[in-house]
Amino acid sequence: MVQFDRSYRAIHRYARVSPRKARRIIDTVRGRQVDEALAVLKRLPHRPARMIEKVIASALANAQDRQDIDPSELHVAVATVDEGPRIKRLRPISRGMASIIQKRMSHITIVLRPYE
């Protein structure tokens, strides 16, 4: 009999937030139960918390769409923030030179799995 992998994934690509700032937030929810992770993120005042909250909600919606599964059975198994492309802007500085401003982007990946 073939056993299917019961993991539910959602990715937010090209999120306009620095990976370093997003990793600080995502470390707080990795390994937690989905309901608990959403409650923690709702209380955090940081901007990346809103983005991560939406990605977890999307992965949860994927789980409920594919099967009738109880959210209390799921936990955040994998939570990663990878670096995306950078938007580069020039800022004039003294003596006619320019400084490069790099606006970083992130790829936020969340995988939910049931407890085993």
N, C-alpha and C. Protein backbone atom coordinates (compact mmCIF):
# COMPACT_ATOMS: atom_id res chain seq x y z
N MET A 1 0.83 -1.17 0.00
CA MET A 1 0.00 0.00 0.00
C MET A 1 0.88 1.25 0.00
N VAL A 2 0.52 2.23 -0.79
CA VAL A 2 1.29 3.46 -0.89
C VAL A 2 0.84 4.42 0.20
N GLN A 3 1.82 4.91 0.96
CA GLN A 3 1.50 5.86 2.02
C GLN A 3 1.86 7.27 1.53
N PHE A 4 0.90 8.16 1.57
CA PHE A 4 1.11 9.52 1.09
C PHE A 4 1.67 10.39 2.21
N ASP A 5 2.52 11.31 1.82
CA ASP A 5 3.09 12.25 2.76
C ASP A 5 2.02 13.25 3.16
N ARG A 6 1.71 13.31 4.44
CA ARG A 6 0.67 14.22 4.91
C ARG A 6 1.32 15.51 5.41
N SER A 7 1.87 16.26 4.49
CA SER A 7 2.41 17.57 4.84
C SER A 7 1.76 18.60 3.94
N TYR A 8 1.55 19.78 4.49
CA TYR A 8 0.84 20.84 3.78
C TYR A 8 1.74 22.07 3.78
N ARG A 9 1.97 22.62 2.59
CA ARG A 9 3.00 23.64 2.41
C ARG A 9 2.40 24.92 1.84
N ALA A 10 2.99 26.03 2.22
CA ALA A 10 2.66 27.34 1.64
C ALA A 10 3.94 28.16 1.59
N ILE A 11 4.10 28.93 0.52
CA ILE A 11 5.31 29.74 0.32
C ILE A 11 4.90 31.16 -0.03
N HIS A 12 5.51 32.11 0.63
CA HIS A 12 5.36 33.52 0.27
C HIS A 12 6.68 33.94 -0.36
N ARG A 13 6.67 34.09 -1.67
CA ARG A 13 7.89 34.46 -2.38
C ARG A 13 7.94 35.96 -2.58
N TYR A 14 9.14 36.49 -2.60
CA TYR A 14 9.40 37.91 -2.83
C TYR A 14 8.73 38.80 -1.78
N ALA A 15 8.76 38.35 -0.55
CA ALA A 15 8.23 39.16 0.55
C ALA A 15 9.18 40.33 0.79
N ARG A 16 8.66 41.53 0.85
CA ARG A 16 9.50 42.72 1.01
C ARG A 16 9.87 42.94 2.47
N VAL A 17 10.65 42.02 2.98
CA VAL A 17 11.15 42.13 4.35
C VAL A 17 12.53 41.48 4.35
N SER A 18 13.41 42.02 5.16
CA SER A 18 14.76 41.49 5.26
C SER A 18 14.73 40.08 5.86
N PRO A 19 15.50 39.14 5.30
CA PRO A 19 15.50 37.78 5.85
C PRO A 19 15.95 37.73 7.31
N ARG A 20 16.85 38.60 7.67
CA ARG A 20 17.34 38.62 9.05
C ARG A 20 16.22 38.97 10.03
N LYS A 21 15.37 39.93 9.66
CA LYS A 21 14.26 40.32 10.52
C LYS A 21 13.19 39.24 10.57
N ALA A 22 12.95 38.59 9.43
CA ALA A 22 11.92 37.55 9.38
C ALA A 22 12.36 36.30 10.13
N ARG A 23 13.65 35.97 10.09
CA ARG A 23 14.14 34.77 10.80
C ARG A 23 13.98 34.92 12.30
N ARG A 24 14.13 36.14 12.80
CA ARG A 24 13.95 36.38 14.24
C ARG A 24 12.54 36.04 14.68
N ILE A 25 11.57 36.32 13.82
CA ILE A 25 10.18 36.05 14.16
C ILE A 25 9.84 34.57 13.94
N ILE A 26 10.37 33.98 12.86
CA ILE A 26 9.98 32.62 12.52
C ILE A 26 10.55 31.61 13.51
N ASP A 27 11.63 31.97 14.19
CA ASP A 27 12.20 31.08 15.20
C ASP A 27 11.25 30.91 16.39
N THR A 28 10.35 31.86 16.60
CA THR A 28 9.42 31.77 17.73
C THR A 28 8.29 30.78 17.47
N VAL A 29 7.99 30.47 16.20
CA VAL A 29 6.85 29.59 15.91
C VAL A 29 7.26 28.20 15.42
N ARG A 30 8.52 28.00 15.11
CA ARG A 30 8.96 26.70 14.60
C ARG A 30 8.75 25.62 15.65
N GLY A 31 8.03 24.53 15.25
CA GLY A 31 7.78 23.41 16.15
C GLY A 31 6.51 23.53 16.97
N ARG A 32 5.85 24.65 16.93
CA ARG A 32 4.64 24.84 17.73
C ARG A 32 3.41 24.31 17.01
N GLN A 33 2.36 24.11 17.80
CA GLN A 33 1.06 23.74 17.25
C GLN A 33 0.52 24.94 16.46
N VAL A 34 -0.27 24.69 15.43
CA VAL A 34 -0.72 25.75 14.52
C VAL A 34 -1.53 26.82 15.25
N ASP A 35 -2.47 26.41 16.08
CA ASP A 35 -3.29 27.39 16.81
C ASP A 35 -2.44 28.26 17.73
N GLU A 36 -1.49 27.62 18.39
CA GLU A 36 -0.60 28.35 19.29
C GLU A 36 0.31 29.31 18.52
N ALA A 37 0.81 28.86 17.36
CA ALA A 37 1.68 29.71 16.54
C ALA A 37 0.94 30.94 16.03
N LEU A 38 -0.30 30.76 15.59
CA LEU A 38 -1.10 31.89 15.12
C LEU A 38 -1.41 32.87 16.26
N ALA A 39 -1.65 32.35 17.46
CA ALA A 39 -1.92 33.21 18.61
C ALA A 39 -0.68 34.02 18.99
N VAL A 40 0.49 33.39 18.92
CA VAL A 40 1.73 34.10 19.25
C VAL A 40 1.99 35.20 18.21
N LEU A 41 1.82 34.87 16.94
CA LEU A 41 2.08 35.85 15.89
C LEU A 41 1.12 37.03 15.94
N LYS A 42 -0.11 36.77 16.34
CA LYS A 42 -1.10 37.85 16.41
C LYS A 42 -0.71 38.88 17.47
N ARG A 43 -0.01 38.46 18.52
CA ARG A 43 0.38 39.36 19.60
C ARG A 43 1.67 40.14 19.29
N LEU A 44 2.47 39.67 18.34
CA LEU A 44 3.74 40.34 18.05
C LEU A 44 3.51 41.60 17.22
N PRO A 45 4.20 42.69 17.53
CA PRO A 45 3.98 43.95 16.82
C PRO A 45 4.78 44.09 15.53
N HIS A 46 5.62 43.13 15.20
CA HIS A 46 6.54 43.27 14.07
C HIS A 46 5.85 43.01 12.73
N ARG A 47 6.33 43.70 11.69
CA ARG A 47 5.74 43.56 10.36
C ARG A 47 5.91 42.16 9.77
N PRO A 48 7.07 41.50 9.94
CA PRO A 48 7.18 40.13 9.40
C PRO A 48 6.20 39.15 10.04
N ALA A 49 5.74 39.44 11.25
CA ALA A 49 4.78 38.55 11.91
C ALA A 49 3.48 38.47 11.13
N ARG A 50 3.04 39.60 10.54
CA ARG A 50 1.82 39.58 9.72
C ARG A 50 2.01 38.68 8.49
N MET A 51 3.18 38.76 7.86
CA MET A 51 3.44 37.95 6.67
C MET A 51 3.49 36.47 7.01
N ILE A 52 4.19 36.12 8.08
CA ILE A 52 4.31 34.72 8.49
C ILE A 52 2.95 34.18 8.92
N GLU A 53 2.15 35.02 9.57
CA GLU A 53 0.81 34.62 9.99
C GLU A 53 -0.05 34.25 8.77
N LYS A 54 0.06 35.03 7.71
CA LYS A 54 -0.71 34.74 6.50
C LYS A 54 -0.23 33.47 5.81
N VAL A 55 1.06 33.20 5.85
CA VAL A 55 1.59 31.98 5.23
C VAL A 55 1.12 30.75 6.00
N ILE A 56 1.12 30.82 7.33
CA ILE A 56 0.62 29.70 8.14
C ILE A 56 -0.86 29.49 7.90
N ALA A 57 -1.62 30.58 7.81
CA ALA A 57 -3.05 30.47 7.53
C ALA A 57 -3.30 29.86 6.15
N SER A 58 -2.45 30.18 5.18
CA SER A 58 -2.58 29.60 3.84
C SER A 58 -2.27 28.11 3.85
N ALA A 59 -1.23 27.70 4.57
CA ALA A 59 -0.90 26.28 4.67
C ALA A 59 -2.02 25.52 5.38
N LEU A 60 -2.63 26.14 6.39
CA LEU A 60 -3.75 25.53 7.10
C LEU A 60 -4.96 25.39 6.17
N ALA A 61 -5.20 26.39 5.34
CA ALA A 61 -6.29 26.31 4.37
C ALA A 61 -6.02 25.21 3.34
N ASN A 62 -4.75 25.03 2.95
CA ASN A 62 -4.41 23.94 2.04
C ASN A 62 -4.70 22.59 2.68
N ALA A 63 -4.42 22.47 3.98
CA ALA A 63 -4.67 21.22 4.69
C ALA A 63 -6.17 20.94 4.77
N GLN A 64 -6.95 21.96 5.07
CA GLN A 64 -8.39 21.76 5.19
C GLN A 64 -9.04 21.54 3.83
N ASP A 65 -8.44 22.06 2.79
CA ASP A 65 -8.98 21.89 1.44
C ASP A 65 -8.73 20.47 0.92
N ARG A 66 -7.53 19.94 1.21
CA ARG A 66 -7.18 18.62 0.70
C ARG A 66 -7.85 17.49 1.48
N GLN A 67 -7.98 17.66 2.79
CA GLN A 67 -8.59 16.63 3.63
C GLN A 67 -9.32 17.31 4.76
N ASP A 68 -10.22 16.56 5.38
CA ASP A 68 -10.90 17.08 6.55
C ASP A 68 -10.02 16.78 7.76
N ILE A 69 -9.16 17.72 8.09
CA ILE A 69 -8.20 17.51 9.17
C ILE A 69 -8.41 18.56 10.25
N ASP A 70 -8.23 18.16 11.48
CA ASP A 70 -8.40 19.06 12.62
C ASP A 70 -7.12 19.89 12.78
N PRO A 71 -7.23 21.21 12.88
CA PRO A 71 -6.03 22.06 13.04
C PRO A 71 -5.24 21.75 14.30
N SER A 72 -5.89 21.17 15.31
CA SER A 72 -5.15 20.87 16.54
C SER A 72 -4.18 19.70 16.36
N GLU A 73 -4.33 18.94 15.28
CA GLU A 73 -3.41 17.83 15.00
C GLU A 73 -2.13 18.29 14.32
N LEU A 74 -2.13 19.50 13.75
CA LEU A 74 -1.00 19.96 12.96
C LEU A 74 -0.03 20.80 13.78
N HIS A 75 1.24 20.72 13.39
CA HIS A 75 2.25 21.59 13.98
C HIS A 75 3.15 22.12 12.87
N VAL A 76 3.87 23.20 13.16
CA VAL A 76 4.77 23.82 12.18
C VAL A 76 6.05 22.99 12.16
N ALA A 77 6.14 22.09 11.17
CA ALA A 77 7.27 21.17 11.11
C ALA A 77 8.50 21.86 10.52
N VAL A 78 8.31 22.60 9.44
CA VAL A 78 9.42 23.29 8.78
C VAL A 78 9.03 24.75 8.62
N ALA A 79 9.90 25.63 9.05
CA ALA A 79 9.69 27.07 8.88
C ALA A 79 11.02 27.69 8.51
N THR A 80 11.14 28.12 7.25
CA THR A 80 12.41 28.67 6.79
C THR A 80 12.18 30.02 6.13
N VAL A 81 13.21 30.83 6.18
CA VAL A 81 13.24 32.10 5.47
C VAL A 81 14.51 32.12 4.65
N ASP A 82 14.36 32.11 3.34
CA ASP A 82 15.51 32.16 2.43
C ASP A 82 15.60 33.55 1.83
N GLU A 83 16.80 33.90 1.41
CA GLU A 83 17.00 35.21 0.82
C GLU A 83 16.54 35.22 -0.63
N GLY A 84 15.81 36.25 -0.99
CA GLY A 84 15.36 36.44 -2.36
C GLY A 84 16.25 37.45 -3.06
N PRO A 85 15.81 37.96 -4.20
CA PRO A 85 16.61 38.96 -4.90
C PRO A 85 16.62 40.29 -4.14
N ARG A 86 17.52 41.15 -4.51
CA ARG A 86 17.63 42.45 -3.87
C ARG A 86 17.29 43.55 -4.87
N ILE A 87 16.57 44.55 -4.41
CA ILE A 87 16.33 45.73 -5.22
C ILE A 87 17.47 46.70 -4.91
N LYS A 88 18.15 47.17 -5.93
CA LYS A 88 19.29 48.05 -5.71
C LYS A 88 18.92 49.47 -6.12
N ARG A 89 19.20 50.41 -5.23
CA ARG A 89 18.94 51.82 -5.47
C ARG A 89 20.23 52.60 -5.21
N LEU A 90 20.40 53.70 -5.93
CA LEU A 90 21.58 54.54 -5.73
C LEU A 90 21.21 55.76 -4.90
N ARG A 91 22.11 56.11 -3.99
CA ARG A 91 21.91 57.28 -3.15
C ARG A 91 23.14 58.17 -3.30
N PRO A 92 22.97 59.41 -3.67
CA PRO A 92 24.14 60.28 -3.84
C PRO A 92 24.82 60.57 -2.50
N ILE A 93 26.15 60.54 -2.55
CA ILE A 93 26.94 60.91 -1.38
C ILE A 93 27.94 61.98 -1.81
N SER A 94 28.85 62.34 -0.96
CA SER A 94 29.74 63.48 -1.21
C SER A 94 30.67 63.24 -2.39
N ARG A 95 31.18 64.32 -2.95
CA ARG A 95 32.15 64.34 -4.04
C ARG A 95 31.63 63.67 -5.31
N GLY A 96 30.32 63.73 -5.54
CA GLY A 96 29.75 63.22 -6.78
C GLY A 96 29.68 61.71 -6.87
N MET A 97 29.89 61.02 -5.78
CA MET A 97 29.83 59.55 -5.81
C MET A 97 28.43 59.08 -5.43
N ALA A 98 28.24 57.77 -5.49
CA ALA A 98 26.94 57.19 -5.14
C ALA A 98 27.15 55.99 -4.24
N SER A 99 26.21 55.79 -3.36
CA SER A 99 26.20 54.63 -2.47
C SER A 99 25.02 53.75 -2.86
N ILE A 100 25.22 52.44 -2.78
CA ILE A 100 24.16 51.51 -3.16
C ILE A 100 23.33 51.15 -1.94
N ILE A 101 22.01 51.30 -2.06
CA ILE A 101 21.07 50.85 -1.03
C ILE A 101 20.46 49.56 -1.52
N GLN A 102 20.58 48.49 -0.75
CA GLN A 102 20.03 47.20 -1.14
C GLN A 102 18.79 46.91 -0.32
N LYS A 103 17.67 46.79 -0.99
CA LYS A 103 16.41 46.47 -0.33
C LYS A 103 16.19 44.97 -0.49
N ARG A 104 16.28 44.26 0.62
CA ARG A 104 16.27 42.81 0.58
C ARG A 104 14.86 42.23 0.54
N MET A 105 14.75 41.04 -0.08
CA MET A 105 13.49 40.30 -0.13
C MET A 105 13.70 38.92 0.46
N SER A 106 12.60 38.27 0.82
CA SER A 106 12.65 36.95 1.45
C SER A 106 11.69 36.00 0.77
N HIS A 107 11.99 34.72 0.89
CA HIS A 107 11.06 33.65 0.52
C HIS A 107 10.73 32.92 1.82
N ILE A 108 9.47 33.00 2.26
CA ILE A 108 9.05 32.39 3.53
C ILE A 108 8.33 31.08 3.22
N THR A 109 8.84 29.97 3.77
CA THR A 109 8.27 28.65 3.53
C THR A 109 7.79 28.05 4.85
N ILE A 110 6.55 27.55 4.85
CA ILE A 110 5.98 26.91 6.03
C ILE A 110 5.44 25.54 5.61
N VAL A 111 5.79 24.51 6.37
CA VAL A 111 5.28 23.15 6.14
C VAL A 111 4.61 22.68 7.43
N LEU A 112 3.34 22.29 7.31
CA LEU A 112 2.59 21.77 8.46
C LEU A 112 2.47 20.26 8.33
N ARG A 113 2.65 19.57 9.45
CA ARG A 113 2.51 18.11 9.48
C ARG A 113 1.74 17.73 10.73
N PRO A 114 1.00 16.59 10.67
CA PRO A 114 0.35 16.13 11.89
C PRO A 114 1.37 15.52 12.85
N TYR A 115 1.04 15.53 14.12
CA TYR A 115 1.89 14.87 15.11
C TYR A 115 1.89 13.38 14.86
N GLU A 116 3.04 12.75 15.11
CA GLU A 116 3.14 11.30 14.87
C GLU A 116 3.28 10.54 16.16
